[in-house]
Structure formats: structure tokens, C-alpha cells
C-alpha atoms as a PDB file:
ATOM      1  CA  MET A   1       0.000   0.000   0.000  1.00  0.00           C
ATOM      2  CA  PHE A   2       1.215   3.502  -0.756  1.00  0.00           C
ATOM      3  CA  VAL A   3       0.094   7.083  -0.411  1.00  0.00           C
ATOM      4  CA  LYS A   4      -0.827   8.858  -3.605  1.00  0.00           C
ATOM      5  CA  ASP A   5       0.618  12.314  -3.255  1.00  0.00           C
ATOM      6  CA  LYS A   6       3.553  14.201  -4.619  1.00  0.00           C
ATOM      7  CA  ASN A   7       5.528  13.961  -1.371  1.00  0.00           C
ATOM      8  CA  LYS A   8       5.027  10.182  -0.956  1.00  0.00           C
ATOM      9  CA  GLN A   9       4.527  10.548   2.751  1.00  0.00           C
ATOM     10  CA  ASN A  10       5.041   7.537   5.017  1.00  0.00           C
ATOM     11  CA  ILE A  11       1.659   5.903   5.542  1.00  0.00           C
ATOM     12  CA  ASN A  12       2.552   5.055   9.141  1.00  0.00           C
ATOM     13  CA  SER A  13       2.738   8.760  10.005  1.00  0.00           C
ATOM     14  CA  MET A  14      -0.743   9.491   8.613  1.00  0.00           C
ATOM     15  CA  HIS A  15      -4.154   9.589  10.304  1.00  0.00           C
ATOM     16  CA  THR A  16      -7.382   8.013   9.024  1.00  0.00           C
ATOM     17  CA  ILE A  17     -10.552  10.092   8.830  1.00  0.00           C
ATOM     18  CA  LYS A  18     -11.928   8.186  11.841  1.00  0.00           C
ATOM     19  CA  THR A  19      -8.954   9.223  13.944  1.00  0.00           C
ATOM     20  CA  VAL A  20      -9.156  12.824  12.741  1.00  0.00           C
ATOM     21  CA  THR A  21     -12.824  13.148  13.668  1.00  0.00           C
ATOM     22  CA  ALA A  22     -12.047  11.781  17.147  1.00  0.00           C
ATOM     23  CA  LEU A  23      -9.122  14.165  17.639  1.00  0.00           C
ATOM     24  CA  THR A  24     -10.827  17.291  16.320  1.00  0.00           C
ATOM     25  CA  GLY A  25     -14.503  16.793  17.159  1.00  0.00           C
ATOM     26  CA  ILE A  26     -15.394  17.610  13.543  1.00  0.00           C
ATOM     27  CA  SER A  27     -17.946  15.179  12.111  1.00  0.00           C
ATOM     28  CA  THR A  28     -17.069  13.206   8.988  1.00  0.00           C
ATOM     29  CA  GLU A  29     -19.722  15.055   6.984  1.00  0.00           C
ATOM     30  CA  THR A  30     -18.498  18.475   8.100  1.00  0.00           C
ATOM     31  CA  LEU A  31     -14.877  17.581   7.442  1.00  0.00           C
ATOM     32  CA  ARG A  32     -15.644  16.482   3.878  1.00  0.00           C
ATOM     33  CA  ALA A  33     -17.720  19.614   3.292  1.00  0.00           C
ATOM     34  CA  TRP A  34     -14.884  21.844   4.545  1.00  0.00           C
ATOM     35  CA  GLU A  35     -12.473  20.135   2.175  1.00  0.00           C
ATOM     36  CA  ARG A  36     -14.831  20.319  -0.785  1.00  0.00           C
ATOM     37  CA  ARG A  37     -16.067  23.880  -0.342  1.00  0.00           C
ATOM     38  CA  TYR A  38     -13.149  25.653   1.323  1.00  0.00           C
ATOM     39  CA  ALA A  39     -10.074  23.473   0.710  1.00  0.00           C
ATOM     40  CA  THR A  40      -9.221  23.665   4.421  1.00  0.00           C
ATOM     41  CA  VAL A  41      -6.805  20.748   4.013  1.00  0.00           C
ATOM     42  CA  THR A  42      -5.938  18.441   1.138  1.00  0.00           C
ATOM     43  CA  PRO A  43      -5.556  14.896   2.476  1.00  0.00           C
ATOM     44  CA  ALA A  44      -3.468  12.267   0.775  1.00  0.00           C
ATOM     45  CA  ARG A  45      -5.077   9.061  -0.484  1.00  0.00           C
ATOM     46  CA  ASP A  46      -4.106   5.414  -0.176  1.00  0.00           C
ATOM     47  CA  GLU A  47      -4.408   3.085  -3.142  1.00  0.00           C
ATOM     48  CA  GLN A  48      -8.050   2.400  -2.228  1.00  0.00           C
ATOM     49  CA  GLY A  49      -8.759   6.127  -2.347  1.00  0.00           C
ATOM     50  CA  ARG A  50      -9.257   6.531   1.400  1.00  0.00           C
ATOM     51  CA  ARG A  51      -8.291   9.833   2.983  1.00  0.00           C
ATOM     52  CA  LEU A  52      -5.073  10.039   5.004  1.00  0.00           C
ATOM     53  CA  TYR A  53      -4.200  13.138   7.020  1.00  0.00           C
ATOM     54  CA  SER A  54      -0.791  14.384   8.142  1.00  0.00           C
ATOM     55  CA  GLN A  55      -0.091  15.654  11.644  1.00  0.00           C
ATOM     56  CA  ALA A  56       0.027  19.185  10.197  1.00  0.00           C
ATOM     57  CA  ASP A  57      -3.460  18.632   8.742  1.00  0.00           C
ATOM     58  CA  VAL A  58      -4.755  17.559  12.149  1.00  0.00           C
ATOM     59  CA  GLU A  59      -3.204  20.550  13.924  1.00  0.00           C
ATOM     60  CA  ARG A  60      -4.729  22.925  11.382  1.00  0.00           C
ATOM     61  CA  LEU A  61      -8.155  21.298  11.686  1.00  0.00           C
ATOM     62  CA  ILE A  62      -8.057  21.563  15.489  1.00  0.00           C
ATOM     63  CA  LEU A  63      -7.380  25.307  15.149  1.00  0.00           C
ATOM     64  CA  LEU A  64     -10.221  25.701  12.662  1.00  0.00           C
ATOM     65  CA  ALA A  65     -12.599  23.726  14.869  1.00  0.00           C
ATOM     66  CA  ASN A  66     -11.719  25.811  17.931  1.00  0.00           C
ATOM     67  CA  ALA A  67     -12.160  29.036  15.977  1.00  0.00           C
ATOM     68  CA  THR A  68     -15.623  28.042  14.729  1.00  0.00           C
ATOM     69  CA  ARG A  69     -16.625  27.181  18.309  1.00  0.00           C
ATOM     70  CA  GLN A  70     -15.661  30.742  19.267  1.00  0.00           C
ATOM     71  CA  GLY A  71     -18.026  32.156  16.642  1.00  0.00           C
ATOM     72  CA  PHE A  72     -15.854  32.552  13.533  1.00  0.00           C
ATOM     73  CA  THR A  73     -17.370  31.253  10.298  1.00  0.00           C
ATOM     74  CA  ILE A  74     -15.393  28.689   8.324  1.00  0.00           C
ATOM     75  CA  SER A  75     -15.825  30.655   5.102  1.00  0.00           C
ATOM     76  CA  LYS A  76     -14.031  33.636   6.666  1.00  0.00           C
ATOM     77  CA  ILE A  77     -11.090  31.769   8.184  1.00  0.00           C
ATOM     78  CA  SER A  78     -10.494  28.841   5.809  1.00  0.00           C
ATOM     79  CA  THR A  79      -7.742  30.641   3.885  1.00  0.00           C
ATOM     80  CA  GLN A  80      -5.777  31.717   6.952  1.00  0.00           C
ATOM     81  CA  SER A  81      -2.433  30.105   7.665  1.00  0.00           C
ATOM     82  CA  THR A  82      -1.775  28.037  10.773  1.00  0.00           C
ATOM     83  CA  ALA A  83       0.147  30.946  12.310  1.00  0.00           C
ATOM     84  CA  GLN A  84      -2.719  33.345  11.571  1.00  0.00           C
ATOM     85  CA  LEU A  85      -5.221  30.958  13.158  1.00  0.00           C
ATOM     86  CA  GLN A  86      -3.071  30.635  16.269  1.00  0.00           C
ATOM     87  CA  ALA A  87      -2.890  34.429  16.563  1.00  0.00           C
ATOM     88  CA  LEU A  88      -6.640  34.737  15.987  1.00  0.00           C
ATOM     89  CA  LEU A  89      -7.409  32.310  18.805  1.00  0.00           C
ATOM     90  CA  ALA A  90      -4.875  33.903  21.140  1.00  0.00           C
ATOM     91  CA  ASN A  91      -6.395  37.347  20.624  1.00  0.00           C
ATOM     92  CA  ASN A  92      -9.953  36.067  21.038  1.00  0.00           C
ATOM     93  CA  GLN A  93      -9.313  33.748  23.979  1.00  0.00           C
ATOM     94  CA  VAL A  94     -12.021  33.693  26.642  1.00  0.00           C
ATOM     95  CA  ALA A  95     -10.703  33.969  30.183  1.00  0.00           C
ATOM     96  CA  PRO A  96      -9.911  30.363  31.040  1.00  0.00           C
ATOM     97  CA  THR A  97     -10.902  30.717  34.702  1.00  0.00           C
ATOM     98  CA  ASN A  98     -14.465  31.691  33.823  1.00  0.00           C
ATOM     99  CA  HIS A  99     -14.689  28.962  31.198  1.00  0.00           C
ATOM    100  CA  HIS A 100     -13.467  26.275  33.557  1.00  0.00           C
ATOM    101  CA  GLU A 101     -15.650  27.490  36.407  1.00  0.00           C
ATOM    102  CA  ALA A 102     -18.734  27.057  34.238  1.00  0.00           C
ATOM    103  CA  LEU A 103     -17.567  23.619  33.167  1.00  0.00           C
ATOM    104  CA  PHE A 104     -16.810  22.571  36.747  1.00  0.00           C
ATOM    105  CA  THR A 105     -20.193  23.845  37.949  1.00  0.00           C
ATOM    106  CA  GLY A 106     -21.999  21.847  35.278  1.00  0.00           C
ATOM    107  CA  ILE A 107     -20.054  18.680  36.019  1.00  0.00           C
ATOM    108  CA  MET A 108     -20.586  18.948  39.782  1.00  0.00           C
ATOM    109  CA  ALA A 109     -24.319  19.542  39.284  1.00  0.00           C
ATOM    110  CA  ALA A 110     -24.530  16.441  37.080  1.00  0.00           C
ATOM    111  CA  LEU A 111     -22.544  14.422  39.591  1.00  0.00           C
ATOM    112  CA  ASN A 112     -24.748  15.515  42.497  1.00  0.00           C
ATOM    113  CA  ASP A 113     -27.800  14.266  40.584  1.00  0.00           C
ATOM    114  CA  TYR A 114     -26.065  11.023  39.533  1.00  0.00           C
ATOM    115  CA  GLN A 115     -26.409  12.100  35.883  1.00  0.00           C
ATOM    116  CA  MET A 116     -23.243  10.418  34.686  1.00  0.00           C
ATOM    117  CA  GLY A 117     -24.236  10.613  31.028  1.00  0.00           C
ATOM    118  CA  ARG A 118     -24.341  14.398  31.307  1.00  0.00           C
ATOM    119  CA  CYS A 119     -21.078  14.418  33.254  1.00  0.00           C
ATOM    120  CA  GLU A 120     -19.351  12.372  30.553  1.00  0.00           C
ATOM    121  CA  GLU A 121     -20.793  14.584  27.808  1.00  0.00           C
ATOM    122  CA  LEU A 122     -19.334  17.714  29.423  1.00  0.00           C
ATOM    123  CA  LEU A 123     -15.942  16.070  29.890  1.00  0.00           C
ATOM    124  CA  LYS A 124     -15.875  14.957  26.259  1.00  0.00           C
ATOM    125  CA  ARG A 125     -16.786  18.432  25.028  1.00  0.00           C
ATOM    126  CA  ALA A 126     -13.869  19.857  26.966  1.00  0.00           C
ATOM    127  CA  LEU A 127     -11.547  17.196  25.542  1.00  0.00           C
ATOM    128  CA  ILE A 128     -12.531  18.093  21.989  1.00  0.00           C
ATOM    129  CA  ALA A 129     -11.985  21.806  22.583  1.00  0.00           C
ATOM    130  CA  MET A 130      -8.595  21.575  24.322  1.00  0.00           C
ATOM    131  CA  GLU A 131      -5.123  20.198  23.802  1.00  0.00           C
ATOM    132  CA  PRO A 132      -4.520  16.996  25.854  1.00  0.00           C
ATOM    133  CA  HIS A 133      -1.867  18.715  27.993  1.00  0.00           C
ATOM    134  CA  HIS A 134      -4.185  21.541  29.052  1.00  0.00           C
ATOM    135  CA  TYR A 135      -7.132  19.165  29.382  1.00  0.00           C
ATOM    136  CA  ALA A 136      -5.204  16.936  31.800  1.00  0.00           C
ATOM    137  CA  ARG A 137      -3.666  19.794  33.796  1.00  0.00           C
ATOM    138  CA  ASP A 138      -6.477  22.361  33.869  1.00  0.00           C
ATOM    139  CA  VAL A 139      -9.619  20.203  33.786  1.00  0.00           C
ATOM    140  CA  LEU A 140      -9.133  16.600  34.850  1.00  0.00           C
ATOM    141  CA  LEU A 141      -6.586  17.097  37.629  1.00  0.00           C
ATOM    142  CA  PRO A 142      -8.496  19.895  39.445  1.00  0.00           C
ATOM    143  CA  LEU A 143     -11.774  17.991  39.054  1.00  0.00           C
ATOM    144  CA  LEU A 144     -10.307  14.797  40.494  1.00  0.00           C
ATOM    145  CA  GLN A 145      -8.893  16.759  43.410  1.00  0.00           C
ATOM    146  CA  LYS A 146     -12.231  18.526  43.975  1.00  0.00           C
ATOM    147  CA  VAL A 147     -14.240  15.309  43.920  1.00  0.00           C
ATOM    148  CA  GLY A 148     -11.777  13.669  46.316  1.00  0.00           C
ATOM    149  CA  GLN A 149     -11.989  16.637  48.676  1.00  0.00           C
ATOM    150  CA  LEU A 150     -15.808  16.639  48.660  1.00  0.00           C
ATOM    151  CA  TRP A 151     -15.843  12.910  49.353  1.00  0.00           C
ATOM    152  CA  HIS A 152     -13.516  13.340  52.342  1.00  0.00           C
ATOM    153  CA  GLU A 153     -15.759  16.133  53.630  1.00  0.00           C
ATOM    154  CA  GLY A 154     -18.833  13.899  53.348  1.00  0.00           C
ATOM    155  CA  LYS A 155     -20.422  16.113  50.674  1.00  0.00           C
ATOM    156  CA  LEU A 156     -20.268  13.371  48.029  1.00  0.00           C
ATOM    157  CA  GLY A 157     -21.000   9.699  48.499  1.00  0.00           C
ATOM    158  CA  ILE A 158     -18.523   6.974  47.723  1.00  0.00           C
ATOM    159  CA  ALA A 159     -20.760   5.829  44.871  1.00  0.00           C
ATOM    160  CA  GLN A 160     -20.541   9.258  43.254  1.00  0.00           C
ATOM    161  CA  GLU A 161     -16.760   9.336  43.690  1.00  0.00           C
ATOM    162  CA  HIS A 162     -16.434   5.872  42.157  1.00  0.00           C
ATOM    163  CA  MET A 163     -18.752   6.744  39.261  1.00  0.00           C
ATOM    164  CA  PHE A 164     -16.813   9.900  38.480  1.00  0.00           C
ATOM    165  CA  SER A 165     -13.472   8.070  38.646  1.00  0.00           C
ATOM    166  CA  ALA A 166     -14.775   5.376  36.295  1.00  0.00           C
ATOM    167  CA  CYS A 167     -16.038   8.060  33.894  1.00  0.00           C
ATOM    168  CA  VAL A 168     -12.664   9.822  33.766  1.00  0.00           C
ATOM    169  CA  LYS A 169     -10.779   6.557  33.356  1.00  0.00           C
ATOM    170  CA  ARG A 170     -13.081   5.476  30.514  1.00  0.00           C
ATOM    171  CA  ILE A 171     -12.570   8.753  28.636  1.00  0.00           C
ATOM    172  CA  ILE A 172      -8.786   8.694  29.003  1.00  0.00           C
ATOM    173  CA  LEU A 173      -8.359   5.065  27.935  1.00  0.00           C
ATOM    174  CA  SER A 174     -10.721   5.554  24.992  1.00  0.00           C
ATOM    175  CA  MET A 175      -8.704   8.551  23.810  1.00  0.00           C
ATOM    176  CA  ILE A 176      -5.438   6.640  24.167  1.00  0.00           C
ATOM    177  CA  ASN A 177      -6.835   3.742  22.123  1.00  0.00           C
ATOM    178  CA  THR A 178      -7.972   6.168  19.414  1.00  0.00           C
ATOM    179  CA  LEU A 179      -4.548   7.785  19.250  1.00  0.00           C
ATOM    180  CA  HIS A 180      -2.799   4.400  19.110  1.00  0.00           C
ATOM    181  CA  SER A 181      -4.631   3.430  15.943  1.00  0.00           C
ATOM    182  CA  SER A 182      -2.347   5.670  13.848  1.00  0.00           C
ATOM    183  CA  PHE A 183       1.030   5.049  15.491  1.00  0.00           C
ATOM    184  CA  ALA A 184       4.103   3.857  13.668  1.00  0.00           C
ATOM    185  CA  ALA A 185       5.974   0.725  14.726  1.00  0.00           C
ATOM    186  CA  SER A 186       8.902   2.934  15.746  1.00  0.00           C
ATOM    187  CA  SER A 187       6.903   4.861  18.367  1.00  0.00           C
ATOM    188  CA  PRO A 188       8.616   4.885  21.795  1.00  0.00           C
ATOM    189  CA  ARG A 189       7.082   2.350  24.186  1.00  0.00           C
ATOM    190  CA  ILE A 190       6.217   3.397  27.735  1.00  0.00           C
ATOM    191  CA  ILE A 191       4.823   1.345  30.618  1.00  0.00           C
ATOM    192  CA  PHE A 192       2.622   3.076  33.209  1.00  0.00           C
ATOM    193  CA  ALA A 193       2.022   1.484  36.618  1.00  0.00           C
ATOM    194  CA  THR A 194       2.154   1.855  40.383  1.00  0.00           C
ATOM    195  CA  LEU A 195       3.887  -0.546  42.747  1.00  0.00           C
ATOM    196  CA  SER A 196       2.349  -2.685  45.513  1.00  0.00           C
ATOM    197  CA  GLY A 197       0.408  -0.652  48.047  1.00  0.00           C
ATOM    198  CA  GLU A 198      -0.008   2.318  45.700  1.00  0.00           C
ATOM    199  CA  ASN A 199      -3.694   2.297  44.704  1.00  0.00           C
ATOM    200  CA  HIS A 200      -4.027   5.791  43.255  1.00  0.00           C
ATOM    201  CA  GLU A 201      -3.831   5.497  39.478  1.00  0.00           C
ATOM    202  CA  PHE A 202      -4.842   8.877  38.099  1.00  0.00           C
ATOM    203  CA  GLY A 203      -1.282  10.190  37.983  1.00  0.00           C
ATOM    204  CA  ILE A 204      -0.281   7.444  35.577  1.00  0.00           C
ATOM    205  CA  LEU A 205      -3.568   7.758  33.678  1.00  0.00           C
ATOM    206  CA  LEU A 206      -3.022  11.473  33.035  1.00  0.00           C
ATOM    207  CA  THR A 207       0.605  11.029  32.056  1.00  0.00           C
ATOM    208  CA  SER A 208      -0.295   8.170  29.714  1.00  0.00           C
ATOM    209  CA  LEU A 209      -2.733  10.505  27.942  1.00  0.00           C
ATOM    210  CA  LEU A 210       0.033  13.087  27.516  1.00  0.00           C
ATOM    211  CA  ALA A 211       2.433  10.441  26.212  1.00  0.00           C
ATOM    212  CA  ALA A 212      -0.128   9.116  23.733  1.00  0.00           C
ATOM    213  CA  SER A 213      -0.759  12.651  22.471  1.00  0.00           C
ATOM    214  CA  GLN A 214       2.986  12.808  21.710  1.00  0.00           C
ATOM    215  CA  ARG A 215       2.719   9.604  19.655  1.00  0.00           C
ATOM    216  CA  CYS A 216       4.254   7.262  22.231  1.00  0.00           C
ATOM    217  CA  GLU A 217       2.925   3.715  22.511  1.00  0.00           C
ATOM    218  CA  CYS A 218       1.495   3.453  26.008  1.00  0.00           C
ATOM    219  CA  PHE A 219       1.072   0.244  28.003  1.00  0.00           C
ATOM    220  CA  TYR A 220      -1.200   1.071  30.909  1.00  0.00           C
ATOM    221  CA  ILE A 221      -0.767  -1.799  33.389  1.00  0.00           C
ATOM    222  CA  GLY A 222      -2.542  -0.172  36.328  1.00  0.00           C
ATOM    223  CA  ALA A 223      -2.143   0.161  40.066  1.00  0.00           C
ATOM    224  CA  ASP A 224      -0.842  -1.978  42.938  1.00  0.00           C
ATOM    225  CA  LEU A 225       1.589  -4.096  40.917  1.00  0.00           C
ATOM    226  CA  PRO A 226       4.373  -6.206  42.491  1.00  0.00           C
ATOM    227  CA  TRP A 227       7.725  -5.067  41.170  1.00  0.00           C
ATOM    228  CA  GLN A 228       8.483  -8.618  39.988  1.00  0.00           C
ATOM    229  CA  GLU A 229       5.418  -8.524  37.703  1.00  0.00           C
ATOM    230  CA  LEU A 230       6.564  -5.218  36.284  1.00  0.00           C
ATOM    231  CA  LEU A 231       9.958  -6.764  35.576  1.00  0.00           C
ATOM    232  CA  ILE A 232       8.320  -9.659  33.702  1.00  0.00           C
ATOM    233  CA  ALA A 233       6.137  -7.278  31.700  1.00  0.00           C
ATOM    234  CA  SER A 234       9.120  -5.142  30.726  1.00  0.00           C
ATOM    235  CA  LYS A 235      10.915  -8.190  29.291  1.00  0.00           C
ATOM    236  CA  LYS A 236       7.978  -8.797  26.952  1.00  0.00           C
ATOM    237  CA  ILE A 237       7.116  -5.205  26.089  1.00  0.00           C
ATOM    238  CA  GLN A 238      10.677  -3.858  25.848  1.00  0.00           C
ATOM    239  CA  PRO A 239       9.805  -0.281  26.821  1.00  0.00           C
ATOM    240  CA  ALA A 240      12.051   2.725  26.494  1.00  0.00           C
ATOM    241  CA  ILE A 241      10.602   4.164  29.720  1.00  0.00           C
ATOM    242  CA  ILE A 242       8.689   2.942  32.757  1.00  0.00           C
ATOM    243  CA  THR A 243       6.635   5.653  34.469  1.00  0.00           C
ATOM    244  CA  LEU A 244       5.564   5.104  38.084  1.00  0.00           C
ATOM    245  CA  SER A 245       3.498   7.075  40.578  1.00  0.00           C
ATOM    246  CA  VAL A 246       4.120   7.131  44.337  1.00  0.00           C
ATOM    247  CA  ILE A 247       1.369   9.007  46.174  1.00  0.00           C
ATOM    248  CA  SER A 248       1.685   7.753  49.780  1.00  0.00           C
ATOM    249  CA  TYR A 249       3.342  10.444  51.923  1.00  0.00           C
ATOM    250  CA  PRO A 250       5.744   9.590  53.360  1.00  0.00           C
ATOM    251  CA  PRO A 251       6.122   6.290  51.485  1.00  0.00           C
ATOM    252  CA  ASN A 252       6.290   3.010  53.392  1.00  0.00           C
ATOM    253  CA  SER A 253       9.674   1.324  53.584  1.00  0.00           C
ATOM    254  CA  HIS A 254       8.492  -1.487  51.314  1.00  0.00           C
ATOM    255  CA  VAL A 255       7.791   1.064  48.557  1.00  0.00           C
ATOM    256  CA  ILE A 256      11.399   2.268  48.749  1.00  0.00           C
ATOM    257  CA  ASN A 257      12.586  -1.352  48.671  1.00  0.00           C
ATOM    258  CA  ASP A 258      10.431  -2.101  45.626  1.00  0.00           C
ATOM    259  CA  LEU A 259      11.741   0.973  43.806  1.00  0.00           C
ATOM    260  CA  THR A 260      15.297  -0.102  44.603  1.00  0.00           C
ATOM    261  CA  ASN A 261      14.754  -3.718  43.542  1.00  0.00           C
ATOM    262  CA  LEU A 262      13.213  -2.666  40.259  1.00  0.00           C
ATOM    263  CA  ALA A 263      16.068  -0.266  39.529  1.00  0.00           C
ATOM    264  CA  ASN A 264      18.639  -2.957  40.280  1.00  0.00           C
ATOM    265  CA  GLU A 265      17.017  -5.631  38.123  1.00  0.00           C
ATOM    266  CA  LEU A 266      15.942  -3.699  35.034  1.00  0.00           C
ATOM    267  CA  PRO A 267      18.294  -3.396  32.030  1.00  0.00           C
ATOM    268  CA  ALA A 268      20.239  -0.147  32.053  1.00  0.00           C
ATOM    269  CA  HIS A 269      18.738   1.112  28.782  1.00  0.00           C
ATOM    270  CA  ILE A 270      15.224   1.371  30.276  1.00  0.00           C
ATOM    271  CA  GLN A 271      14.613   4.790  31.813  1.00  0.00           C
ATOM    272  CA  LEU A 272      12.710   5.026  35.099  1.00  0.00           C
ATOM    273  CA  TRP A 273      10.472   8.052  35.655  1.00  0.00           C
ATOM    274  CA  VAL A 274       8.494   8.660  38.850  1.00  0.00           C
ATOM    275  CA  GLY A 275       6.137  11.324  40.166  1.00  0.00           C
ATOM    276  CA  GLY A 276       3.618  11.967  42.932  1.00  0.00           C
ATOM    277  CA  ALA A 277       3.676  13.299  46.487  1.00  0.00           C
ATOM    278  CA  GLY A 278       5.603  10.290  47.799  1.00  0.00           C
ATOM    279  CA  ALA A 279       8.185  10.591  45.048  1.00  0.00           C
ATOM    280  CA  HIS A 280       8.551  14.278  45.901  1.00  0.00           C
ATOM    281  CA  PHE A 281       9.269  13.335  49.530  1.00  0.00           C
ATOM    282  CA  LEU A 282      11.873  10.750  48.511  1.00  0.00           C
ATOM    283  CA  ASN A 283      13.497  13.207  46.127  1.00  0.00           C
ATOM    284  CA  GLU A 284      13.670  15.915  48.800  1.00  0.00           C
ATOM    285  CA  GLN A 285      15.118  13.457  51.323  1.00  0.00           C
ATOM    286  CA  GLN A 286      17.586  12.118  48.724  1.00  0.00           C
ATOM    287  CA  GLN A 287      16.150   8.628  49.192  1.00  0.00           C
ATOM    288  CA  LEU A 288      15.123   8.135  45.586  1.00  0.00           C
ATOM    289  CA  PRO A 289      17.315   5.485  43.907  1.00  0.00           C
ATOM    290  CA  GLY A 290      19.745   7.056  41.475  1.00  0.00           C
ATOM    291  CA  ARG A 291      18.217   5.626  38.303  1.00  0.00           C
ATOM    292  CA  TYR A 292      14.921   7.440  38.798  1.00  0.00           C
ATOM    293  CA  LEU A 293      14.109  10.699  37.063  1.00  0.00           C
ATOM    294  CA  TYR A 294      11.712  12.661  39.256  1.00  0.00           C
ATOM    295  CA  MET A 295       8.726  14.300  37.520  1.00  0.00           C
ATOM    296  CA  ALA A 296       7.677  17.349  39.531  1.00  0.00           C
ATOM    297  CA  SER A 297       4.409  18.037  37.669  1.00  0.00           C
ATOM    298  CA  LEU A 298       2.349  17.261  34.593  1.00  0.00           C
ATOM    299  CA  ASP A 299       4.108  20.166  32.869  1.00  0.00           C
ATOM    300  CA  ASP A 300       7.473  18.598  33.680  1.00  0.00           C
ATOM    301  CA  PHE A 301       6.355  15.235  32.301  1.00  0.00           C
ATOM    302  CA  ASN A 302       4.896  16.830  29.179  1.00  0.00           C
ATOM    303  CA  ASP A 303       8.132  18.718  28.449  1.00  0.00           C
ATOM    304  CA  ARG A 304      10.228  15.579  28.820  1.00  0.00           C
ATOM    305  CA  ILE A 305       7.932  13.288  26.835  1.00  0.00           C
ATOM    306  CA  THR A 306       7.794  15.872  24.041  1.00  0.00           C
ATOM    307  CA  ARG A 307      11.597  15.754  23.796  1.00  0.00           C
ATOM    308  CA  VAL A 308      11.494  11.949  23.716  1.00  0.00           C
ATOM    309  CA  SER A 309       8.949  12.019  20.902  1.00  0.00           C
ATOM    310  CA  ASP A 310      10.892  14.622  18.936  1.00  0.00           C
ATOM    311  CA  ASN A 311      14.094  12.561  19.153  1.00  0.00           C
ATOM    312  CA  LYS A 312      12.631   9.161  18.283  1.00  0.00           C
END
């Protein structure tokens, strides 16, 4: 199979129309109409005539979609360059605090009434309108913290907390699976997990979303995993990086032992990244084994994973 265009782009670096609609929130019908009427992008074609979109096409379509959601008509902005669209959105940006406050209010109201369909709808709308990095940092993380706080204060029931957690997890894993459908075989492989006794998984869920958005192949193994099982999995998967989360503060001694055992047994070429409140404590106390690279925040992780992706 080959791509029919003058640049003969690598098919493995291209996106199908299904992936593009998922990433941009533009329906298939609208996308085809934009191409036909306004030449917003010109996709390549495979030998069966199916559309294939470059990463530049996707980035341009996301900008166009965001601009139309802010009230600009496609006929007026279709000829603008990517740089012009970025400037247009920057100059017309609604104050993010107000926007997020309205979103948070709607989600909390839906959660209070056990309307999880509405809650999921609002979360998906935000995902479509935002870059994954900002979505994880500015929407999901504060919401997870807020729901956890309300549960501890007795203002939300455990059922509501569990339902919300399941909703967020479902959205993240679905997005990761959608992104994976267009990855090349050479994409960096990353394992995401927590060690035994560490049951909080949203740190590794959010970072796996960021890694997938940077075209890394993510293996989400989950929480509370014995270090020996992680060692076995790494032999099969052959990751470039293993990302762990340590939330317990201060960590139990067995967590430090597990981190040390894993570092001692893993091949030297596999990088070990770790974040979370417990990892922060160990880093401050200089108790973090030397092989581990401490991730101070989602921004820190996103910067590093972007460099990994750019250098692959």
C-alpha cells in the first residue's frame, strides 16, 4: 500500500478520517464539506482512495474547529495560515478561569444528581476543545482533586466518587486507544504502573494521555503491581521508559525497597520516571534510587515526553 501524493509521505505517520474526527470533534460530513467547499486541508489518499491526514493537517483542523466554536465562520477563516489561526485564537481567547468554572459547575451539578451521562458529555466536550496537555492539567486534575476533597468532607457519596473516577478513566483510555490506531511501529514504548500498596492510578492515567498525544505507545498496566510482575512485563514489552506514581506520603519502607529492587534488576537502557507526592518526599530526602528521574508536575512530564517524541 502507498500514499498517492507528490511527497510520498510515510503511511505510518498518517491519520485516518476516523482518527481525525475523534481528535478534532469535527464530524465526517463536516470535514468532507470543509475540504470540498473551502479546501481547508488536502488529504493524501491510499491506493483504495481513502483519505489520510498528516499531523500538520490535524493541527490545522483543530485550530479551525476551535475558531468556529468561538463564533468565527469557516468561510471567513479557511484561507488563513496556521500561524494566523493561532494568533486569531490567542487574541480572542475567553478567560480560562471563567470557562473552567462554568464547566466545573456543570459537572458537579450532574454528579450531584447522579447524571453520569451528562457528566461524561461535558468532559468529552472539553476534551474536543482543548489540547490533551491543558485538558489533563487544567480540567481533569483539578476535578479529580475537587471530587476527592468533597468525598472526604462527606459532601459526596462513595458511589458518586467511584462513578466519576470510572467516567474519567473510561474517557482517558478511549482517547489513548484512538490515538494508538495511527502510530508507527517505531513509536517509543512506555509502561505506566504503580507498585504494591499504591492504589491511586490517576497520575499514571493522566501522564499516559500526555504520552499518547505525543505519539508514544502506552502500556497502561494499572495500580498496585508487584515489582516482579513489572519486571516480567518489561521483558515482553521492551519499553524505552517505565513511568511510576508514588502518592503515599511519606512512602512506606516497602515502597522504597520495591523501587530499589526494580532499579537494580531492570536493564540499564530502560529509563525510570516517577512522580507523585511520595516521590517528591523521597526526592527531597535524597532517598530516591539514582536511576529514577523525578517528575515534579504534569508540565514537567509533558516537556520531557515531548523531547522523547521529537528525538525518536
